[in-house]
Amino acid sequence: MSNAVPLTRAYRLAVASRVIAAAFGGYALASAATVLLALIWPGPQPQALLWASMLSFAIYSVAVIWVFTARSATRAWVGIVLITAVVSALAWLLKSGGAA
């Protein structure tokens, strides 16, 4: 006889939502961070891109961990989307020469 607790549909959907947030949201955040870091990294552009790409693996890992430690799937999604939007906006502003 098993002592396993039956998993509800809501729980399964919350876990699936976190998996999607971790996979796709984490990738979007890591990609946006790579662009931003490559733009602000001092030194030659190829070296900046290399370092930014290497750091993106750590950023992706932290994003995945954060998604699964957030209190809810909604909070995980909001956090990933907001951080990605801010990082993307900063990269866009730097690439386009700022607001002026």
N, C-alpha and C. Protein backbone atom coordinates (compact mmCIF):
# COMPACT_ATOMS: atom_id res chain seq x y z
N MET A 1 0.84 -1.18 0.00
CA MET A 1 0.00 0.00 0.00
C MET A 1 0.88 1.24 0.00
N SER A 2 0.54 2.16 -0.86
CA SER A 2 1.34 3.37 -1.03
C SER A 2 0.76 4.52 -0.21
N ASN A 3 1.65 5.36 0.31
CA ASN A 3 1.23 6.55 1.05
C ASN A 3 1.27 7.79 0.17
N ALA A 4 1.29 7.62 -1.12
CA ALA A 4 1.38 8.74 -2.05
C ALA A 4 0.10 9.58 -2.00
N VAL A 5 0.29 10.88 -2.04
CA VAL A 5 -0.83 11.81 -2.05
C VAL A 5 -1.28 11.98 -3.49
N PRO A 6 -2.57 11.87 -3.76
CA PRO A 6 -3.02 12.06 -5.15
C PRO A 6 -2.79 13.51 -5.59
N LEU A 7 -2.28 13.67 -6.78
CA LEU A 7 -1.97 15.00 -7.30
C LEU A 7 -3.18 15.55 -8.02
N THR A 8 -3.54 16.76 -7.68
CA THR A 8 -4.70 17.39 -8.31
C THR A 8 -4.32 17.94 -9.68
N ARG A 9 -5.34 18.25 -10.46
CA ARG A 9 -5.11 18.82 -11.79
C ARG A 9 -4.46 20.20 -11.68
N ALA A 10 -4.89 20.98 -10.69
CA ALA A 10 -4.33 22.33 -10.50
C ALA A 10 -2.83 22.25 -10.19
N TYR A 11 -2.46 21.28 -9.37
CA TYR A 11 -1.04 21.11 -9.04
C TYR A 11 -0.23 20.73 -10.28
N ARG A 12 -0.76 19.83 -11.07
CA ARG A 12 -0.06 19.40 -12.29
C ARG A 12 0.08 20.56 -13.28
N LEU A 13 -0.96 21.37 -13.40
CA LEU A 13 -0.89 22.53 -14.29
C LEU A 13 0.11 23.56 -13.78
N ALA A 14 0.19 23.75 -12.47
CA ALA A 14 1.15 24.69 -11.89
C ALA A 14 2.58 24.23 -12.16
N VAL A 15 2.82 22.94 -12.03
CA VAL A 15 4.16 22.40 -12.30
C VAL A 15 4.48 22.53 -13.79
N ALA A 16 3.53 22.23 -14.64
CA ALA A 16 3.75 22.36 -16.09
C ALA A 16 4.02 23.82 -16.45
N SER A 17 3.31 24.73 -15.82
CA SER A 17 3.52 26.15 -16.06
C SER A 17 4.93 26.57 -15.65
N ARG A 18 5.39 26.08 -14.52
CA ARG A 18 6.75 26.39 -14.07
C ARG A 18 7.80 25.82 -15.03
N VAL A 19 7.55 24.61 -15.52
CA VAL A 19 8.49 24.01 -16.47
C VAL A 19 8.59 24.86 -17.73
N ILE A 20 7.44 25.32 -18.23
CA ILE A 20 7.44 26.18 -19.42
C ILE A 20 8.11 27.51 -19.12
N ALA A 21 7.83 28.09 -17.95
CA ALA A 21 8.47 29.35 -17.56
C ALA A 21 9.98 29.19 -17.45
N ALA A 22 10.41 28.07 -16.88
CA ALA A 22 11.84 27.83 -16.73
C ALA A 22 12.51 27.64 -18.08
N ALA A 23 11.89 26.84 -18.93
CA ALA A 23 12.51 26.53 -20.22
C ALA A 23 12.52 27.74 -21.15
N PHE A 24 11.35 28.30 -21.41
CA PHE A 24 11.25 29.38 -22.40
C PHE A 24 11.55 30.76 -21.80
N GLY A 25 11.03 31.01 -20.59
CA GLY A 25 11.31 32.28 -19.94
C GLY A 25 12.77 32.41 -19.55
N GLY A 26 13.33 31.33 -19.06
CA GLY A 26 14.75 31.34 -18.71
C GLY A 26 15.63 31.56 -19.94
N TYR A 27 15.24 30.94 -21.05
CA TYR A 27 15.98 31.12 -22.29
C TYR A 27 15.88 32.57 -22.78
N ALA A 28 14.69 33.14 -22.70
CA ALA A 28 14.51 34.54 -23.13
C ALA A 28 15.33 35.48 -22.25
N LEU A 29 15.32 35.23 -20.96
CA LEU A 29 16.11 36.06 -20.04
C LEU A 29 17.60 35.92 -20.31
N ALA A 30 18.07 34.71 -20.49
CA ALA A 30 19.49 34.49 -20.76
C ALA A 30 19.90 35.14 -22.09
N SER A 31 19.03 35.06 -23.09
CA SER A 31 19.33 35.68 -24.38
C SER A 31 19.40 37.20 -24.27
N ALA A 32 18.43 37.78 -23.58
CA ALA A 32 18.42 39.23 -23.40
C ALA A 32 19.63 39.68 -22.59
N ALA A 33 19.97 38.93 -21.57
CA ALA A 33 21.14 39.27 -20.76
C ALA A 33 22.43 39.15 -21.56
N THR A 34 22.49 38.19 -22.46
CA THR A 34 23.67 38.04 -23.32
C THR A 34 23.86 39.28 -24.19
N VAL A 35 22.77 39.75 -24.77
CA VAL A 35 22.85 40.95 -25.61
C VAL A 35 23.29 42.15 -24.78
N LEU A 36 22.67 42.33 -23.60
CA LEU A 36 23.03 43.47 -22.75
C LEU A 36 24.49 43.38 -22.30
N LEU A 37 24.90 42.23 -21.83
CA LEU A 37 26.29 42.08 -21.37
C LEU A 37 27.29 42.28 -22.50
N ALA A 38 26.97 41.82 -23.69
CA ALA A 38 27.87 42.01 -24.83
C ALA A 38 28.00 43.49 -25.17
N LEU A 39 26.93 44.25 -24.95
CA LEU A 39 26.97 45.68 -25.25
C LEU A 39 27.77 46.47 -24.22
N ILE A 40 27.71 46.06 -22.95
CA ILE A 40 28.36 46.85 -21.90
C ILE A 40 29.74 46.31 -21.51
N TRP A 41 30.11 45.14 -22.00
CA TRP A 41 31.40 44.54 -21.61
C TRP A 41 32.54 45.36 -22.19
N PRO A 42 33.52 45.74 -21.36
CA PRO A 42 34.66 46.50 -21.89
C PRO A 42 35.58 45.58 -22.69
N GLY A 43 36.16 46.13 -23.71
CA GLY A 43 37.08 45.34 -24.52
C GLY A 43 36.54 45.11 -25.92
N PRO A 44 37.27 44.31 -26.68
CA PRO A 44 36.87 44.04 -28.06
C PRO A 44 35.51 43.31 -28.12
N GLN A 45 34.75 43.59 -29.17
CA GLN A 45 33.41 43.03 -29.32
C GLN A 45 33.39 41.50 -29.35
N PRO A 46 34.31 40.82 -30.06
CA PRO A 46 34.28 39.35 -30.04
C PRO A 46 34.50 38.77 -28.64
N GLN A 47 35.40 39.39 -27.89
CA GLN A 47 35.65 38.93 -26.52
C GLN A 47 34.44 39.20 -25.63
N ALA A 48 33.79 40.34 -25.82
CA ALA A 48 32.59 40.67 -25.04
C ALA A 48 31.49 39.66 -25.31
N LEU A 49 31.30 39.30 -26.55
CA LEU A 49 30.28 38.33 -26.91
C LEU A 49 30.59 36.95 -26.32
N LEU A 50 31.85 36.57 -26.34
CA LEU A 50 32.25 35.29 -25.77
C LEU A 50 31.96 35.24 -24.27
N TRP A 51 32.37 36.28 -23.54
CA TRP A 51 32.14 36.31 -22.10
C TRP A 51 30.65 36.37 -21.77
N ALA A 52 29.92 37.17 -22.52
CA ALA A 52 28.48 37.27 -22.29
C ALA A 52 27.80 35.93 -22.54
N SER A 53 28.23 35.22 -23.57
CA SER A 53 27.66 33.91 -23.88
C SER A 53 27.97 32.91 -22.77
N MET A 54 29.17 32.95 -22.24
CA MET A 54 29.51 32.03 -21.15
C MET A 54 28.71 32.35 -19.89
N LEU A 55 28.53 33.62 -19.60
CA LEU A 55 27.75 34.00 -18.43
C LEU A 55 26.27 33.66 -18.58
N SER A 56 25.81 33.57 -19.81
CA SER A 56 24.39 33.27 -20.03
C SER A 56 24.01 31.90 -19.47
N PHE A 57 24.93 30.96 -19.43
CA PHE A 57 24.64 29.65 -18.87
C PHE A 57 24.33 29.76 -17.38
N ALA A 58 25.10 30.59 -16.68
CA ALA A 58 24.85 30.81 -15.25
C ALA A 58 23.53 31.54 -15.05
N ILE A 59 23.25 32.52 -15.89
CA ILE A 59 22.00 33.28 -15.79
C ILE A 59 20.81 32.36 -16.02
N TYR A 60 20.90 31.51 -17.01
CA TYR A 60 19.82 30.56 -17.29
C TYR A 60 19.60 29.62 -16.10
N SER A 61 20.69 29.14 -15.53
CA SER A 61 20.58 28.23 -14.39
C SER A 61 19.91 28.91 -13.20
N VAL A 62 20.30 30.14 -12.93
CA VAL A 62 19.70 30.88 -11.82
C VAL A 62 18.21 31.13 -12.09
N ALA A 63 17.86 31.43 -13.33
CA ALA A 63 16.46 31.66 -13.67
C ALA A 63 15.64 30.40 -13.45
N VAL A 64 16.15 29.26 -13.85
CA VAL A 64 15.43 27.99 -13.67
C VAL A 64 15.26 27.70 -12.18
N ILE A 65 16.31 27.88 -11.42
CA ILE A 65 16.21 27.65 -9.97
C ILE A 65 15.19 28.59 -9.35
N TRP A 66 15.22 29.86 -9.76
CA TRP A 66 14.29 30.83 -9.19
C TRP A 66 12.84 30.47 -9.52
N VAL A 67 12.59 30.04 -10.74
CA VAL A 67 11.22 29.68 -11.13
C VAL A 67 10.66 28.60 -10.21
N PHE A 68 11.47 27.63 -9.84
CA PHE A 68 10.98 26.54 -9.01
C PHE A 68 11.00 26.85 -7.52
N THR A 69 11.62 27.96 -7.12
CA THR A 69 11.59 28.35 -5.71
C THR A 69 10.59 29.47 -5.45
N ALA A 70 10.00 30.03 -6.48
CA ALA A 70 8.99 31.08 -6.31
C ALA A 70 7.78 30.50 -5.61
N ARG A 71 7.05 31.34 -4.91
CA ARG A 71 5.89 30.87 -4.13
C ARG A 71 4.78 30.30 -5.00
N SER A 72 4.63 30.84 -6.19
CA SER A 72 3.57 30.34 -7.08
C SER A 72 4.05 30.42 -8.52
N ALA A 73 3.34 29.71 -9.38
CA ALA A 73 3.68 29.75 -10.80
C ALA A 73 3.43 31.15 -11.37
N THR A 74 2.41 31.81 -10.88
CA THR A 74 2.12 33.17 -11.34
C THR A 74 3.25 34.11 -10.98
N ARG A 75 3.73 34.01 -9.76
CA ARG A 75 4.85 34.86 -9.34
C ARG A 75 6.11 34.55 -10.15
N ALA A 76 6.31 33.29 -10.48
CA ALA A 76 7.47 32.91 -11.30
C ALA A 76 7.37 33.55 -12.68
N TRP A 77 6.18 33.47 -13.30
CA TRP A 77 5.98 34.06 -14.62
C TRP A 77 6.16 35.57 -14.58
N VAL A 78 5.56 36.23 -13.59
CA VAL A 78 5.66 37.69 -13.49
C VAL A 78 7.12 38.10 -13.32
N GLY A 79 7.84 37.40 -12.48
CA GLY A 79 9.25 37.72 -12.26
C GLY A 79 10.08 37.56 -13.51
N ILE A 80 9.92 36.44 -14.19
CA ILE A 80 10.69 36.19 -15.41
C ILE A 80 10.36 37.22 -16.49
N VAL A 81 9.07 37.49 -16.68
CA VAL A 81 8.66 38.43 -17.72
C VAL A 81 9.15 39.84 -17.41
N LEU A 82 9.02 40.28 -16.16
CA LEU A 82 9.46 41.64 -15.80
C LEU A 82 10.97 41.81 -15.94
N ILE A 83 11.72 40.85 -15.44
CA ILE A 83 13.18 40.96 -15.52
C ILE A 83 13.63 40.92 -16.98
N THR A 84 13.03 40.05 -17.76
CA THR A 84 13.38 39.97 -19.19
C THR A 84 13.04 41.27 -19.90
N ALA A 85 11.89 41.85 -19.57
CA ALA A 85 11.49 43.12 -20.20
C ALA A 85 12.46 44.24 -19.84
N VAL A 86 12.87 44.32 -18.58
CA VAL A 86 13.80 45.37 -18.16
C VAL A 86 15.16 45.19 -18.84
N VAL A 87 15.66 43.97 -18.85
CA VAL A 87 16.95 43.70 -19.48
C VAL A 87 16.88 43.97 -20.98
N SER A 88 15.80 43.57 -21.61
CA SER A 88 15.63 43.82 -23.05
C SER A 88 15.54 45.32 -23.35
N ALA A 89 14.81 46.04 -22.52
CA ALA A 89 14.69 47.49 -22.71
C ALA A 89 16.04 48.19 -22.56
N LEU A 90 16.81 47.77 -21.57
CA LEU A 90 18.15 48.35 -21.40
C LEU A 90 19.04 48.06 -22.60
N ALA A 91 18.99 46.85 -23.09
CA ALA A 91 19.80 46.49 -24.26
C ALA A 91 19.35 47.29 -25.48
N TRP A 92 18.04 47.44 -25.65
CA TRP A 92 17.52 48.20 -26.78
C TRP A 92 17.94 49.67 -26.69
N LEU A 93 17.86 50.25 -25.49
CA LEU A 93 18.28 51.65 -25.31
C LEU A 93 19.78 51.82 -25.61
N LEU A 94 20.59 50.90 -25.15
CA LEU A 94 22.02 50.98 -25.42
C LEU A 94 22.33 50.81 -26.90
N LYS A 95 21.64 49.88 -27.54
CA LYS A 95 21.89 49.61 -28.96
C LYS A 95 21.41 50.77 -29.84
N SER A 96 20.29 51.39 -29.45
CA SER A 96 19.75 52.47 -30.28
C SER A 96 20.35 53.82 -29.93
N GLY A 97 21.22 53.88 -28.97
CA GLY A 97 21.88 55.14 -28.63
C GLY A 97 21.19 55.92 -27.54
N GLY A 98 20.29 55.32 -26.81
CA GLY A 98 19.62 56.00 -25.71
C GLY A 98 18.34 56.67 -26.15
N ALA A 99 17.75 57.41 -25.26
CA ALA A 99 16.45 58.03 -25.51
C ALA A 99 16.56 59.29 -26.36
N ALA A 100 17.74 59.86 -26.48
CA ALA A 100 17.90 61.12 -27.21
C ALA A 100 18.02 60.90 -28.69
